[in-house]
Amino acid sequence: TVFDNILVGSHCRTSTGFASNFLRLPGVRR
């Protein structure tokens, strides 16, 4: 979708890594 295409662009700016995304650690949701 258009939304997800644009969202992909923001991922270089997120600091949490793959492991914490996978584990859904606090901070990832925010």
mmCIF file of all heavy atoms, coordinates in Angstrom:
data_MODEL
# 
_entry.id   MODEL 
# 
loop_
_atom_site.group_PDB 
_atom_site.id 
_atom_site.type_symbol 
_atom_site.label_atom_id 
_atom_site.label_alt_id 
_atom_site.label_comp_id 
_atom_site.label_asym_id 
_atom_site.label_entity_id 
_atom_site.label_seq_id 
_atom_site.pdbx_PDB_ins_code 
_atom_site.Cartn_x 
_atom_site.Cartn_y 
_atom_site.Cartn_z 
_atom_site.occupancy 
_atom_site.B_iso_or_equiv 
_atom_site.pdbx_formal_charge 
_atom_site.auth_seq_id 
_atom_site.auth_comp_id 
_atom_site.auth_asym_id 
_atom_site.auth_atom_id 
_atom_site.pdbx_PDB_model_num 
ATOM 1   N N   . THR A 1 1  ? 0.839  -1.201  0.000  1.00 0.00 ? 1  THR A N   1 
ATOM 2   C CA  . THR A 1 1  ? 0.000  0.000   0.000  1.00 0.00 ? 1  THR A CA  1 
ATOM 3   C C   . THR A 1 1  ? 0.874  1.251   0.000  1.00 0.00 ? 1  THR A C   1 
ATOM 4   O O   . THR A 1 1  ? 2.065  1.203   0.326  1.00 0.00 ? 1  THR A O   1 
ATOM 5   C CB  . THR A 1 1  ? -0.904 0.057   1.244  1.00 0.00 ? 1  THR A CB  1 
ATOM 6   O OG1 . THR A 1 1  ? -0.056 0.185   2.407  1.00 0.00 ? 1  THR A OG1 1 
ATOM 7   C CG2 . THR A 1 1  ? -1.782 -1.174  1.366  1.00 0.00 ? 1  THR A CG2 1 
ATOM 8   N N   . VAL A 1 2  ? 0.242  2.368   -0.341 1.00 0.00 ? 2  VAL A N   1 
ATOM 9   C CA  . VAL A 1 2  ? 0.916  3.674   -0.295 1.00 0.00 ? 2  VAL A CA  1 
ATOM 10  C C   . VAL A 1 2  ? 1.449  3.920   1.114  1.00 0.00 ? 2  VAL A C   1 
ATOM 11  O O   . VAL A 1 2  ? 2.601  4.324   1.295  1.00 0.00 ? 2  VAL A O   1 
ATOM 12  C CB  . VAL A 1 2  ? -0.074 4.779   -0.720 1.00 0.00 ? 2  VAL A CB  1 
ATOM 13  C CG1 . VAL A 1 2  ? 0.472  6.172   -0.399 1.00 0.00 ? 2  VAL A CG1 1 
ATOM 14  C CG2 . VAL A 1 2  ? -0.394 4.645   -2.211 1.00 0.00 ? 2  VAL A CG2 1 
ATOM 15  N N   . PHE A 1 3  ? 0.605  3.654   2.125  1.00 0.00 ? 3  PHE A N   1 
ATOM 16  C CA  . PHE A 1 3  ? 1.008  3.876   3.520  1.00 0.00 ? 3  PHE A CA  1 
ATOM 17  C C   . PHE A 1 3  ? 2.285  3.096   3.847  1.00 0.00 ? 3  PHE A C   1 
ATOM 18  O O   . PHE A 1 3  ? 3.251  3.643   4.373  1.00 0.00 ? 3  PHE A O   1 
ATOM 19  C CB  . PHE A 1 3  ? -0.134 3.451   4.468  1.00 0.00 ? 3  PHE A CB  1 
ATOM 20  C CG  . PHE A 1 3  ? 0.114  3.819   5.910  1.00 0.00 ? 3  PHE A CG  1 
ATOM 21  C CD1 . PHE A 1 3  ? -0.421 4.983   6.444  1.00 0.00 ? 3  PHE A CD1 1 
ATOM 22  C CD2 . PHE A 1 3  ? 0.890  3.018   6.741  1.00 0.00 ? 3  PHE A CD2 1 
ATOM 23  C CE1 . PHE A 1 3  ? -0.191 5.338   7.777  1.00 0.00 ? 3  PHE A CE1 1 
ATOM 24  C CE2 . PHE A 1 3  ? 1.138  3.358   8.069  1.00 0.00 ? 3  PHE A CE2 1 
ATOM 25  C CZ  . PHE A 1 3  ? 0.586  4.527   8.584  1.00 0.00 ? 3  PHE A CZ  1 
ATOM 26  N N   . ASP A 1 4  ? 2.294  1.801   3.505  1.00 0.00 ? 4  ASP A N   1 
ATOM 27  C CA  . ASP A 1 4  ? 3.446  0.952   3.850  1.00 0.00 ? 4  ASP A CA  1 
ATOM 28  C C   . ASP A 1 4  ? 4.694  1.320   3.049  1.00 0.00 ? 4  ASP A C   1 
ATOM 29  O O   . ASP A 1 4  ? 5.806  1.221   3.548  1.00 0.00 ? 4  ASP A O   1 
ATOM 30  C CB  . ASP A 1 4  ? 3.095  -0.531  3.656  1.00 0.00 ? 4  ASP A CB  1 
ATOM 31  C CG  . ASP A 1 4  ? 2.175  -1.041  4.760  1.00 0.00 ? 4  ASP A CG  1 
ATOM 32  O OD1 . ASP A 1 4  ? 2.098  -0.371  5.811  1.00 0.00 ? 4  ASP A OD1 1 
ATOM 33  O OD2 . ASP A 1 4  ? 1.523  -2.082  4.567  1.00 0.00 ? 4  ASP A OD2 1 
ATOM 34  N N   . ASN A 1 5  ? 4.507  1.756   1.788  1.00 0.00 ? 5  ASN A N   1 
ATOM 35  C CA  . ASN A 1 5  ? 5.649  2.201   0.988  1.00 0.00 ? 5  ASN A CA  1 
ATOM 36  C C   . ASN A 1 5  ? 6.352  3.375   1.664  1.00 0.00 ? 5  ASN A C   1 
ATOM 37  O O   . ASN A 1 5  ? 7.574  3.435   1.706  1.00 0.00 ? 5  ASN A O   1 
ATOM 38  C CB  . ASN A 1 5  ? 5.199  2.626   -0.416 1.00 0.00 ? 5  ASN A CB  1 
ATOM 39  C CG  . ASN A 1 5  ? 5.411  1.536   -1.455 1.00 0.00 ? 5  ASN A CG  1 
ATOM 40  O OD1 . ASN A 1 5  ? 6.524  1.205   -1.819 1.00 0.00 ? 5  ASN A OD1 1 
ATOM 41  N ND2 . ASN A 1 5  ? 4.311  0.962   -1.918 1.00 0.00 ? 5  ASN A ND2 1 
ATOM 42  N N   . ILE A 1 6  ? 5.555  4.305   2.192  1.00 0.00 ? 6  ILE A N   1 
ATOM 43  C CA  . ILE A 1 6  ? 6.147  5.489   2.842  1.00 0.00 ? 6  ILE A CA  1 
ATOM 44  C C   . ILE A 1 6  ? 6.741  5.086   4.194  1.00 0.00 ? 6  ILE A C   1 
ATOM 45  O O   . ILE A 1 6  ? 7.816  5.553   4.577  1.00 0.00 ? 6  ILE A O   1 
ATOM 46  C CB  . ILE A 1 6  ? 5.107  6.618   2.968  1.00 0.00 ? 6  ILE A CB  1 
ATOM 47  C CG1 . ILE A 1 6  ? 4.713  7.095   1.560  1.00 0.00 ? 6  ILE A CG1 1 
ATOM 48  C CG2 . ILE A 1 6  ? 5.648  7.786   3.796  1.00 0.00 ? 6  ILE A CG2 1 
ATOM 49  C CD1 . ILE A 1 6  ? 3.651  8.172   1.513  1.00 0.00 ? 6  ILE A CD1 1 
ATOM 50  N N   . LEU A 1 7  ? 6.063  4.176   4.895  1.00 0.00 ? 7  LEU A N   1 
ATOM 51  C CA  . LEU A 1 7  ? 6.553  3.715   6.198  1.00 0.00 ? 7  LEU A CA  1 
ATOM 52  C C   . LEU A 1 7  ? 7.943  3.074   6.075  1.00 0.00 ? 7  LEU A C   1 
ATOM 53  O O   . LEU A 1 7  ? 8.799  3.261   6.938  1.00 0.00 ? 7  LEU A O   1 
ATOM 54  C CB  . LEU A 1 7  ? 5.561  2.716   6.809  1.00 0.00 ? 7  LEU A CB  1 
ATOM 55  C CG  . LEU A 1 7  ? 5.832  2.252   8.244  1.00 0.00 ? 7  LEU A CG  1 
ATOM 56  C CD1 . LEU A 1 7  ? 5.779  3.427   9.220  1.00 0.00 ? 7  LEU A CD1 1 
ATOM 57  C CD2 . LEU A 1 7  ? 4.832  1.180   8.657  1.00 0.00 ? 7  LEU A CD2 1 
ATOM 58  N N   . VAL A 1 8  ? 8.168  2.343   4.977  1.00 0.00 ? 8  VAL A N   1 
ATOM 59  C CA  . VAL A 1 8  ? 9.473  1.708   4.746  1.00 0.00 ? 8  VAL A CA  1 
ATOM 60  C C   . VAL A 1 8  ? 10.591 2.755   4.811  1.00 0.00 ? 8  VAL A C   1 
ATOM 61  O O   . VAL A 1 8  ? 11.661 2.506   5.341  1.00 0.00 ? 8  VAL A O   1 
ATOM 62  C CB  . VAL A 1 8  ? 9.500  1.001   3.357  1.00 0.00 ? 8  VAL A CB  1 
ATOM 63  C CG1 . VAL A 1 8  ? 10.921 0.677   2.924  1.00 0.00 ? 8  VAL A CG1 1 
ATOM 64  C CG2 . VAL A 1 8  ? 8.674  -0.279  3.414  1.00 0.00 ? 8  VAL A CG2 1 
ATOM 65  N N   . GLY A 1 9  ? 10.303 3.942   4.301  1.00 0.00 ? 9  GLY A N   1 
ATOM 66  C CA  . GLY A 1 9  ? 11.296 5.008   4.272  1.00 0.00 ? 9  GLY A CA  1 
ATOM 67  C C   . GLY A 1 9  ? 11.736 5.473   5.644  1.00 0.00 ? 9  GLY A C   1 
ATOM 68  O O   . GLY A 1 9  ? 12.837 6.009   5.806  1.00 0.00 ? 9  GLY A O   1 
ATOM 69  N N   . SER A 1 10 ? 10.872 5.290   6.658  1.00 0.00 ? 10 SER A N   1 
ATOM 70  C CA  . SER A 1 10 ? 11.215 5.793   7.992  1.00 0.00 ? 10 SER A CA  1 
ATOM 71  C C   . SER A 1 10 ? 12.108 4.815   8.750  1.00 0.00 ? 10 SER A C   1 
ATOM 72  O O   . SER A 1 10 ? 12.652 5.152   9.788  1.00 0.00 ? 10 SER A O   1 
ATOM 73  C CB  . SER A 1 10 ? 9.935  6.048   8.799  1.00 0.00 ? 10 SER A CB  1 
ATOM 74  O OG  . SER A 1 10 ? 9.295  4.817   9.066  1.00 0.00 ? 10 SER A OG  1 
ATOM 75  N N   . HIS A 1 11 ? 12.283 3.597   8.226  1.00 0.00 ? 11 HIS A N   1 
ATOM 76  C CA  . HIS A 1 11 ? 12.964 2.570   9.025  1.00 0.00 ? 11 HIS A CA  1 
ATOM 77  C C   . HIS A 1 11 ? 14.447 2.817   9.239  1.00 0.00 ? 11 HIS A C   1 
ATOM 78  O O   . HIS A 1 11 ? 15.022 2.336   10.196 1.00 0.00 ? 11 HIS A O   1 
ATOM 79  C CB  . HIS A 1 11 ? 12.699 1.177   8.448  1.00 0.00 ? 11 HIS A CB  1 
ATOM 80  C CG  . HIS A 1 11 ? 11.307 0.712   8.779  1.00 0.00 ? 11 HIS A CG  1 
ATOM 81  N ND1 . HIS A 1 11 ? 10.695 -0.340  8.149  1.00 0.00 ? 11 HIS A ND1 1 
ATOM 82  C CD2 . HIS A 1 11 ? 10.389 1.198   9.662  1.00 0.00 ? 11 HIS A CD2 1 
ATOM 83  C CE1 . HIS A 1 11 ? 9.463  -0.503  8.634  1.00 0.00 ? 11 HIS A CE1 1 
ATOM 84  N NE2 . HIS A 1 11 ? 9.264  0.439   9.538  1.00 0.00 ? 11 HIS A NE2 1 
ATOM 85  N N   . CYS A 1 12 ? 15.074 3.623   8.344  1.00 0.00 ? 12 CYS A N   1 
ATOM 86  C CA  . CYS A 1 12 ? 16.499 3.907   8.573  1.00 0.00 ? 12 CYS A CA  1 
ATOM 87  C C   . CYS A 1 12 ? 16.666 4.788   9.806  1.00 0.00 ? 12 CYS A C   1 
ATOM 88  O O   . CYS A 1 12 ? 17.764 4.928   10.322 1.00 0.00 ? 12 CYS A O   1 
ATOM 89  C CB  . CYS A 1 12 ? 17.086 4.615   7.373  1.00 0.00 ? 12 CYS A CB  1 
ATOM 90  S SG  . CYS A 1 12 ? 16.638 6.342   7.346  1.00 0.00 ? 12 CYS A SG  1 
ATOM 91  N N   . ARG A 1 13 ? 15.578 5.395   10.265 1.00 0.00 ? 13 ARG A N   1 
ATOM 92  C CA  . ARG A 1 13 ? 15.658 6.324   11.392 1.00 0.00 ? 13 ARG A CA  1 
ATOM 93  C C   . ARG A 1 13 ? 15.310 5.664   12.725 1.00 0.00 ? 13 ARG A C   1 
ATOM 94  O O   . ARG A 1 13 ? 15.493 6.250   13.773 1.00 0.00 ? 13 ARG A O   1 
ATOM 95  C CB  . ARG A 1 13 ? 14.671 7.482   11.183 1.00 0.00 ? 13 ARG A CB  1 
ATOM 96  C CG  . ARG A 1 13 ? 15.173 8.513   10.204 1.00 0.00 ? 13 ARG A CG  1 
ATOM 97  C CD  . ARG A 1 13 ? 16.286 9.301   10.825 1.00 0.00 ? 13 ARG A CD  1 
ATOM 98  N NE  . ARG A 1 13 ? 16.703 10.380  9.935  1.00 0.00 ? 13 ARG A NE  1 
ATOM 99  C CZ  . ARG A 1 13 ? 17.717 11.176  10.175 1.00 0.00 ? 13 ARG A CZ  1 
ATOM 100 N NH1 . ARG A 1 13 ? 18.439 11.016  11.254 1.00 0.00 ? 13 ARG A NH1 1 
ATOM 101 N NH2 . ARG A 1 13 ? 18.045 12.129  9.340  1.00 0.00 ? 13 ARG A NH2 1 
ATOM 102 N N   . THR A 1 14 ? 14.738 4.441   12.690 1.00 0.00 ? 14 THR A N   1 
ATOM 103 C CA  . THR A 1 14 ? 14.355 3.810   13.953 1.00 0.00 ? 14 THR A CA  1 
ATOM 104 C C   . THR A 1 14 ? 15.583 3.150   14.562 1.00 0.00 ? 14 THR A C   1 
ATOM 105 O O   . THR A 1 14 ? 16.395 2.551   13.864 1.00 0.00 ? 14 THR A O   1 
ATOM 106 C CB  . THR A 1 14 ? 13.226 2.773   13.738 1.00 0.00 ? 14 THR A CB  1 
ATOM 107 O OG1 . THR A 1 14 ? 13.608 1.910   12.685 1.00 0.00 ? 14 THR A OG1 1 
ATOM 108 C CG2 . THR A 1 14 ? 11.927 3.465   13.358 1.00 0.00 ? 14 THR A CG2 1 
ATOM 109 N N   . SER A 1 15 ? 15.709 3.265   15.867 1.00 0.00 ? 15 SER A N   1 
ATOM 110 C CA  . SER A 1 15 ? 16.950 2.829   16.508 1.00 0.00 ? 15 SER A CA  1 
ATOM 111 C C   . SER A 1 15 ? 16.894 1.381   16.982 1.00 0.00 ? 15 SER A C   1 
ATOM 112 O O   . SER A 1 15 ? 17.896 0.726   17.126 1.00 0.00 ? 15 SER A O   1 
ATOM 113 C CB  . SER A 1 15 ? 17.252 3.736   17.701 1.00 0.00 ? 15 SER A CB  1 
ATOM 114 O OG  . SER A 1 15 ? 16.141 3.724   18.576 1.00 0.00 ? 15 SER A OG  1 
ATOM 115 N N   . THR A 1 16 ? 15.681 0.885   17.228 1.00 0.00 ? 16 THR A N   1 
ATOM 116 C CA  . THR A 1 16 ? 15.582 -0.480  17.761 1.00 0.00 ? 16 THR A CA  1 
ATOM 117 C C   . THR A 1 16 ? 15.868 -1.495  16.666 1.00 0.00 ? 16 THR A C   1 
ATOM 118 O O   . THR A 1 16 ? 15.444 -1.328  15.540 1.00 0.00 ? 16 THR A O   1 
ATOM 119 C CB  . THR A 1 16 ? 14.173 -0.723  18.331 1.00 0.00 ? 16 THR A CB  1 
ATOM 120 O OG1 . THR A 1 16 ? 13.225 -0.288  17.361 1.00 0.00 ? 16 THR A OG1 1 
ATOM 121 C CG2 . THR A 1 16 ? 13.954 0.044   19.611 1.00 0.00 ? 16 THR A CG2 1 
ATOM 122 N N   . GLY A 1 17 ? 16.555 -2.533  17.004 1.00 0.00 ? 17 GLY A N   1 
ATOM 123 C CA  . GLY A 1 17 ? 16.994 -3.513  16.005 1.00 0.00 ? 17 GLY A CA  1 
ATOM 124 C C   . GLY A 1 17 ? 15.995 -4.639  15.814 1.00 0.00 ? 17 GLY A C   1 
ATOM 125 O O   . GLY A 1 17 ? 14.922 -4.664  16.413 1.00 0.00 ? 17 GLY A O   1 
ATOM 126 N N   . PHE A 1 18 ? 16.393 -5.597  14.979 1.00 0.00 ? 18 PHE A N   1 
ATOM 127 C CA  . PHE A 1 18 ? 15.506 -6.716  14.628 1.00 0.00 ? 18 PHE A CA  1 
ATOM 128 C C   . PHE A 1 18 ? 15.103 -7.526  15.860 1.00 0.00 ? 18 PHE A C   1 
ATOM 129 O O   . PHE A 1 18 ? 13.945 -7.870  16.037 1.00 0.00 ? 18 PHE A O   1 
ATOM 130 C CB  . PHE A 1 18 ? 16.216 -7.618  13.605 1.00 0.00 ? 18 PHE A CB  1 
ATOM 131 C CG  . PHE A 1 18 ? 15.465 -8.889  13.345 1.00 0.00 ? 18 PHE A CG  1 
ATOM 132 C CD1 . PHE A 1 18 ? 14.343 -8.890  12.535 1.00 0.00 ? 18 PHE A CD1 1 
ATOM 133 C CD2 . PHE A 1 18 ? 15.862 -10.086 13.943 1.00 0.00 ? 18 PHE A CD2 1 
ATOM 134 C CE1 . PHE A 1 18 ? 13.633 -10.059 12.308 1.00 0.00 ? 18 PHE A CE1 1 
ATOM 135 C CE2 . PHE A 1 18 ? 15.164 -11.264 13.721 1.00 0.00 ? 18 PHE A CE2 1 
ATOM 136 C CZ  . PHE A 1 18 ? 14.049 -11.241 12.900 1.00 0.00 ? 18 PHE A CZ  1 
ATOM 137 N N   . ALA A 1 19 ? 16.074 -7.817  16.741 1.00 0.00 ? 19 ALA A N   1 
ATOM 138 C CA  . ALA A 1 19 ? 15.782 -8.680  17.898 1.00 0.00 ? 19 ALA A CA  1 
ATOM 139 C C   . ALA A 1 19 ? 14.718 -8.068  18.787 1.00 0.00 ? 19 ALA A C   1 
ATOM 140 O O   . ALA A 1 19 ? 13.757 -8.736  19.192 1.00 0.00 ? 19 ALA A O   1 
ATOM 141 C CB  . ALA A 1 19 ? 17.050 -8.928  18.706 1.00 0.00 ? 19 ALA A CB  1 
ATOM 142 N N   . SER A 1 20 ? 14.860 -6.763  19.071 1.00 0.00 ? 20 SER A N   1 
ATOM 143 C CA  . SER A 1 20 ? 13.862 -6.152  19.956 1.00 0.00 ? 20 SER A CA  1 
ATOM 144 C C   . SER A 1 20 ? 12.509 -6.034  19.249 1.00 0.00 ? 20 SER A C   1 
ATOM 145 O O   . SER A 1 20 ? 11.463 -6.109  19.886 1.00 0.00 ? 20 SER A O   1 
ATOM 146 C CB  . SER A 1 20 ? 14.336 -4.785  20.451 1.00 0.00 ? 20 SER A CB  1 
ATOM 147 O OG  . SER A 1 20 ? 14.699 -3.970  19.370 1.00 0.00 ? 20 SER A OG  1 
ATOM 148 N N   . ASN A 1 21 ? 12.520 -5.870  17.910 1.00 0.00 ? 21 ASN A N   1 
ATOM 149 C CA  . ASN A 1 21 ? 11.249 -5.869  17.173 1.00 0.00 ? 21 ASN A CA  1 
ATOM 150 C C   . ASN A 1 21 ? 10.572 -7.222  17.311 1.00 0.00 ? 21 ASN A C   1 
ATOM 151 O O   . ASN A 1 21 ? 9.368  -7.323  17.531 1.00 0.00 ? 21 ASN A O   1 
ATOM 152 C CB  . ASN A 1 21 ? 11.497 -5.594  15.679 1.00 0.00 ? 21 ASN A CB  1 
ATOM 153 C CG  . ASN A 1 21 ? 11.443 -4.117  15.374 1.00 0.00 ? 21 ASN A CG  1 
ATOM 154 O OD1 . ASN A 1 21 ? 10.554 -3.427  15.863 1.00 0.00 ? 21 ASN A OD1 1 
ATOM 155 N ND2 . ASN A 1 21 ? 12.385 -3.640  14.609 1.00 0.00 ? 21 ASN A ND2 1 
ATOM 156 N N   . PHE A 1 22 ? 11.399 -8.246  17.167 1.00 0.00 ? 22 PHE A N   1 
ATOM 157 C CA  . PHE A 1 22 ? 10.879 -9.609  17.234 1.00 0.00 ? 22 PHE A CA  1 
ATOM 158 C C   . PHE A 1 22 ? 10.298 -9.880  18.621 1.00 0.00 ? 22 PHE A C   1 
ATOM 159 O O   . PHE A 1 22 ? 9.249  -10.497 18.764 1.00 0.00 ? 22 PHE A O   1 
ATOM 160 C CB  . PHE A 1 22 ? 12.033 -10.582 16.917 1.00 0.00 ? 22 PHE A CB  1 
ATOM 161 C CG  . PHE A 1 22 ? 11.604 -12.010 16.880 1.00 0.00 ? 22 PHE A CG  1 
ATOM 162 C CD1 . PHE A 1 22 ? 10.789 -12.474 15.861 1.00 0.00 ? 22 PHE A CD1 1 
ATOM 163 C CD2 . PHE A 1 22 ? 12.010 -12.907 17.863 1.00 0.00 ? 22 PHE A CD2 1 
ATOM 164 C CE1 . PHE A 1 22 ? 10.388 -13.807 15.815 1.00 0.00 ? 22 PHE A CE1 1 
ATOM 165 C CE2 . PHE A 1 22 ? 11.608 -14.236 17.828 1.00 0.00 ? 22 PHE A CE2 1 
ATOM 166 C CZ  . PHE A 1 22 ? 10.797 -14.679 16.797 1.00 0.00 ? 22 PHE A CZ  1 
ATOM 167 N N   . LEU A 1 23 ? 10.981 -9.405  19.636 1.00 0.00 ? 23 LEU A N   1 
ATOM 168 C CA  . LEU A 1 23 ? 10.548 -9.651  21.018 1.00 0.00 ? 23 LEU A CA  1 
ATOM 169 C C   . LEU A 1 23 ? 9.528  -8.621  21.503 1.00 0.00 ? 23 LEU A C   1 
ATOM 170 O O   . LEU A 1 23 ? 9.036  -8.723  22.622 1.00 0.00 ? 23 LEU A O   1 
ATOM 171 C CB  . LEU A 1 23 ? 11.774 -9.620  21.955 1.00 0.00 ? 23 LEU A CB  1 
ATOM 172 C CG  . LEU A 1 23 ? 12.841 -10.678 21.667 1.00 0.00 ? 23 LEU A CG  1 
ATOM 173 C CD1 . LEU A 1 23 ? 14.120 -10.364 22.435 1.00 0.00 ? 23 LEU A CD1 1 
ATOM 174 C CD2 . LEU A 1 23 ? 12.322 -12.062 22.062 1.00 0.00 ? 23 LEU A CD2 1 
ATOM 175 N N   . ARG A 1 24 ? 9.269  -7.614  20.628 1.00 0.00 ? 24 ARG A N   1 
ATOM 176 C CA  . ARG A 1 24 ? 8.318  -6.551  20.979 1.00 0.00 ? 24 ARG A CA  1 
ATOM 177 C C   . ARG A 1 24 ? 8.679  -5.885  22.316 1.00 0.00 ? 24 ARG A C   1 
ATOM 178 O O   . ARG A 1 24 ? 7.853  -5.760  23.221 1.00 0.00 ? 24 ARG A O   1 
ATOM 179 C CB  . ARG A 1 24 ? 6.887  -7.110  21.047 1.00 0.00 ? 24 ARG A CB  1 
ATOM 180 C CG  . ARG A 1 24 ? 6.235  -7.204  19.683 1.00 0.00 ? 24 ARG A CG  1 
ATOM 181 C CD  . ARG A 1 24 ? 5.776  -5.823  19.238 1.00 0.00 ? 24 ARG A CD  1 
ATOM 182 N NE  . ARG A 1 24 ? 5.218  -5.789  17.898 1.00 0.00 ? 24 ARG A NE  1 
ATOM 183 C CZ  . ARG A 1 24 ? 5.888  -5.365  16.831 1.00 0.00 ? 24 ARG A CZ  1 
ATOM 184 N NH1 . ARG A 1 24 ? 7.145  -5.009  16.923 1.00 0.00 ? 24 ARG A NH1 1 
ATOM 185 N NH2 . ARG A 1 24 ? 5.302  -5.305  15.660 1.00 0.00 ? 24 ARG A NH2 1 
ATOM 186 N N   . LEU A 1 25 ? 9.927  -5.491  22.447 1.00 0.00 ? 25 LEU A N   1 
ATOM 187 C CA  . LEU A 1 25 ? 10.377 -4.864  23.688 1.00 0.00 ? 25 LEU A CA  1 
ATOM 188 C C   . LEU A 1 25 ? 9.769  -3.477  23.822 1.00 0.00 ? 25 LEU A C   1 
ATOM 189 O O   . LEU A 1 25 ? 9.405  -2.854  22.837 1.00 0.00 ? 25 LEU A O   1 
ATOM 190 C CB  . LEU A 1 25 ? 11.911 -4.769  23.701 1.00 0.00 ? 25 LEU A CB  1 
ATOM 191 C CG  . LEU A 1 25 ? 12.647 -6.098  23.823 1.00 0.00 ? 25 LEU A CG  1 
ATOM 192 C CD1 . LEU A 1 25 ? 14.150 -5.866  23.775 1.00 0.00 ? 25 LEU A CD1 1 
ATOM 193 C CD2 . LEU A 1 25 ? 12.293 -6.797  25.137 1.00 0.00 ? 25 LEU A CD2 1 
ATOM 194 N N   . PRO A 1 26 ? 9.693  -2.963  25.092 1.00 0.00 ? 26 PRO A N   1 
ATOM 195 C CA  . PRO A 1 26 ? 9.181  -1.601  25.277 1.00 0.00 ? 26 PRO A CA  1 
ATOM 196 C C   . PRO A 1 26 ? 10.035 -0.643  24.451 1.00 0.00 ? 26 PRO A C   1 
ATOM 197 O O   . PRO A 1 26 ? 11.230 -0.827  24.318 1.00 0.00 ? 26 PRO A O   1 
ATOM 198 C CB  . PRO A 1 26 ? 9.386  -1.335  26.774 1.00 0.00 ? 26 PRO A CB  1 
ATOM 199 C CG  . PRO A 1 26 ? 9.665  -2.646  27.394 1.00 0.00 ? 26 PRO A CG  1 
ATOM 200 C CD  . PRO A 1 26 ? 10.105 -3.593  26.341 1.00 0.00 ? 26 PRO A CD  1 
ATOM 201 N N   . GLY A 1 27 ? 9.423  0.389   23.927 1.00 0.00 ? 27 GLY A N   1 
ATOM 202 C CA  . GLY A 1 27 ? 10.177 1.331   23.091 1.00 0.00 ? 27 GLY A CA  1 
ATOM 203 C C   . GLY A 1 27 ? 9.897  1.077   21.623 1.00 0.00 ? 27 GLY A C   1 
ATOM 204 O O   . GLY A 1 27 ? 9.795  2.007   20.838 1.00 0.00 ? 27 GLY A O   1 
ATOM 205 N N   . VAL A 1 28 ? 9.736  -0.181  21.252 1.00 0.00 ? 28 VAL A N   1 
ATOM 206 C CA  . VAL A 1 28 ? 9.465  -0.519  19.852 1.00 0.00 ? 28 VAL A CA  1 
ATOM 207 C C   . VAL A 1 28 ? 8.084  -0.016  19.462 1.00 0.00 ? 28 VAL A C   1 
ATOM 208 O O   . VAL A 1 28 ? 7.903  0.619   18.428 1.00 0.00 ? 28 VAL A O   1 
ATOM 209 C CB  . VAL A 1 28 ? 9.543  -2.043  19.614 1.00 0.00 ? 28 VAL A CB  1 
ATOM 210 C CG1 . VAL A 1 28 ? 9.139  -2.373  18.194 1.00 0.00 ? 28 VAL A CG1 1 
ATOM 211 C CG2 . VAL A 1 28 ? 10.949 -2.532  19.897 1.00 0.00 ? 28 VAL A CG2 1 
ATOM 212 N N   . ARG A 1 29 ? 7.110  -0.278  20.331 1.00 0.00 ? 29 ARG A N   1 
ATOM 213 C CA  . ARG A 1 29 ? 5.735  0.137   20.054 1.00 0.00 ? 29 ARG A CA  1 
ATOM 214 C C   . ARG A 1 29 ? 5.665  1.659   19.908 1.00 0.00 ? 29 ARG A C   1 
ATOM 215 O O   . ARG A 1 29 ? 5.047  2.183   18.984 1.00 0.00 ? 29 ARG A O   1 
ATOM 216 C CB  . ARG A 1 29 ? 4.840  -0.349  21.212 1.00 0.00 ? 29 ARG A CB  1 
ATOM 217 C CG  . ARG A 1 29 ? 3.352  -0.194  21.029 1.00 0.00 ? 29 ARG A CG  1 
ATOM 218 C CD  . ARG A 1 29 ? 2.809  -1.078  19.931 1.00 0.00 ? 29 ARG A CD  1 
ATOM 219 N NE  . ARG A 1 29 ? 2.408  -0.259  18.790 1.00 0.00 ? 29 ARG A NE  1 
ATOM 220 C CZ  . ARG A 1 29 ? 2.237  -0.717  17.567 1.00 0.00 ? 29 ARG A CZ  1 
ATOM 221 N NH1 . ARG A 1 29 ? 2.450  -1.968  17.285 1.00 0.00 ? 29 ARG A NH1 1 
ATOM 222 N NH2 . ARG A 1 29 ? 1.874  0.074   16.602 1.00 0.00 ? 29 ARG A NH2 1 
ATOM 223 N N   . ARG A 1 30 ? 6.359  2.357   20.827 1.00 0.00 ? 30 ARG A N   1 
ATOM 224 C CA  . ARG A 1 30 ? 6.323  3.816   20.800 1.00 0.00 ? 30 ARG A CA  1 
ATOM 225 C C   . ARG A 1 30 ? 6.963  4.329   19.508 1.00 0.00 ? 30 ARG A C   1 
ATOM 226 O O   . ARG A 1 30 ? 6.452  5.238   18.854 1.00 0.00 ? 30 ARG A O   1 
ATOM 227 C CB  . ARG A 1 30 ? 7.069  4.375   22.016 1.00 0.00 ? 30 ARG A CB  1 
ATOM 228 C CG  . ARG A 1 30 ? 6.894  5.889   22.202 1.00 0.00 ? 30 ARG A CG  1 
ATOM 229 C CD  . ARG A 1 30 ? 7.605  6.393   23.438 1.00 0.00 ? 30 ARG A CD  1 
ATOM 230 N NE  . ARG A 1 30 ? 9.032  6.140   23.391 1.00 0.00 ? 30 ARG A NE  1 
ATOM 231 C CZ  . ARG A 1 30 ? 9.689  5.378   24.267 1.00 0.00 ? 30 ARG A CZ  1 
ATOM 232 N NH1 . ARG A 1 30 ? 9.033  4.772   25.265 1.00 0.00 ? 30 ARG A NH1 1 
ATOM 233 N NH2 . ARG A 1 30 ? 10.991 5.208   24.168 1.00 0.00 ? 30 ARG A NH2 1 
# 
